[in-house]
Amino acid sequence: MLMPALTPLHLFGALLAINLWTMLRFWQDKAYAAHRQRRIPERSLLLLAAIGGTPGAFLARHLFRHKTRKQPFSFYLWLILMLQGGLIIGLSR
């Protein structure tokens, strides 16, 4: 049985889903912090960014004013963005 080819529409849908999920998790973490509940581990938030949710992570940080000054979290998020940018540039050649 042949697997169907991955189309740009599939890729767009997957990236949209992971970015929406990333934004939801940032919002949940902010809400948990406000209610002094158990937080979402930073490692989990960074993993979501690393698998394609970087735009959603940066948008959520801005919209929810969450983890904007937190170090080393901010450094790692920017590092993920730069590595993904390099990967995209490398693959486009």
Protein backbone atom coordinates (compact mmCIF):
# COMPACT_ATOMS: atom_id res chain seq x y z
CA MET A 1 0.00 0.00 0.00
CA LEU A 2 1.43 3.37 -0.99
CA MET A 3 1.44 6.27 1.44
CA PRO A 4 -0.05 9.50 0.10
CA ALA A 5 2.42 12.31 -0.48
CA LEU A 6 2.70 15.06 2.11
CA THR A 7 1.18 18.12 0.48
CA PRO A 8 1.75 21.76 1.40
CA LEU A 9 -1.80 21.77 2.77
CA HIS A 10 -0.94 18.90 5.14
CA LEU A 11 2.16 20.76 6.30
CA PHE A 12 0.21 23.98 6.81
CA GLY A 13 -2.45 22.15 8.81
CA ALA A 14 0.13 20.45 11.00
CA LEU A 15 1.97 23.73 11.68
CA LEU A 16 -1.29 25.51 12.43
CA ALA A 17 -2.30 22.79 14.87
CA ILE A 18 1.04 22.74 16.72
CA ASN A 19 1.08 26.54 16.97
CA LEU A 20 -2.47 26.67 18.32
CA TRP A 21 -1.59 23.93 20.82
CA THR A 22 1.54 25.85 21.85
CA MET A 23 -0.45 29.03 22.43
CA LEU A 24 -3.03 27.11 24.47
CA ARG A 25 -0.32 25.61 26.68
CA PHE A 26 1.26 29.05 27.29
CA TRP A 27 -2.17 30.42 28.21
CA GLN A 28 -2.78 27.47 30.53
CA ASP A 29 0.59 27.95 32.21
CA LYS A 30 -0.20 31.63 32.76
CA ALA A 31 -3.59 30.70 34.27
CA TYR A 32 -2.00 28.04 36.48
CA ALA A 33 0.52 30.59 37.74
CA ALA A 34 -2.21 33.09 38.53
CA HIS A 35 -4.09 30.47 40.57
CA ARG A 36 -0.94 29.10 42.20
CA GLN A 37 -1.50 25.69 40.64
CA ARG A 38 1.05 23.21 39.35
CA ARG A 39 2.80 24.73 36.32
CA ILE A 40 3.59 23.30 32.90
CA PRO A 41 7.31 22.45 32.81
CA GLU A 42 9.39 24.88 30.74
CA ARG A 43 10.89 21.87 29.00
CA SER A 44 7.43 21.01 27.64
CA LEU A 45 6.86 24.55 26.37
CA LEU A 46 10.27 24.58 24.69
CA LEU A 47 9.63 21.19 23.12
CA LEU A 48 6.43 22.52 21.58
CA ALA A 49 8.43 25.39 20.10
CA ALA A 50 11.12 23.01 18.85
CA ILE A 51 8.65 20.83 16.93
CA GLY A 52 7.25 23.79 15.02
CA GLY A 53 5.38 25.92 17.53
CA THR A 54 7.90 28.77 17.66
CA PRO A 55 5.60 31.38 16.07
CA GLY A 56 2.84 30.41 18.49
CA ALA A 57 5.25 30.60 21.43
CA PHE A 58 6.39 34.12 20.55
CA LEU A 59 2.83 35.26 19.86
CA ALA A 60 1.60 33.79 23.15
CA ARG A 61 4.43 35.47 25.06
CA HIS A 62 3.35 38.78 23.60
CA LEU A 63 -0.42 38.33 23.95
CA PHE A 64 -0.36 36.88 27.46
CA ARG A 65 2.75 38.74 28.68
CA HIS A 66 4.05 35.41 29.91
CA LYS A 67 7.67 34.33 30.27
CA THR A 68 8.92 37.46 28.53
CA ARG A 69 11.82 38.11 30.93
CA LYS A 70 12.37 34.57 32.21
CA GLN A 71 15.95 33.36 31.74
CA PRO A 72 17.26 31.00 30.49
CA PHE A 73 13.85 30.26 28.92
CA SER A 74 14.01 33.31 26.62
CA PHE A 75 17.53 32.41 25.52
CA TYR A 76 16.49 28.85 24.64
CA LEU A 77 13.43 30.05 22.75
CA TRP A 78 15.55 32.43 20.67
CA LEU A 79 18.10 29.65 20.12
CA ILE A 80 15.34 27.34 18.83
CA LEU A 81 14.18 30.10 16.47
CA MET A 82 17.69 30.61 15.09
CA LEU A 83 18.26 26.86 14.63
CA GLN A 84 14.94 26.49 12.83
CA GLY A 85 15.78 29.46 10.62
CA GLY A 86 19.13 27.91 9.76
CA LEU A 87 17.45 24.59 9.00
CA ILE A 88 14.92 26.26 6.70
CA ILE A 89 17.67 28.16 4.88
CA GLY A 90 19.76 25.00 4.58
CA LEU A 91 16.89 22.93 3.22
CA SER A 92 15.84 25.61 0.72
CA ARG A 93 19.16 25.46 -1.14
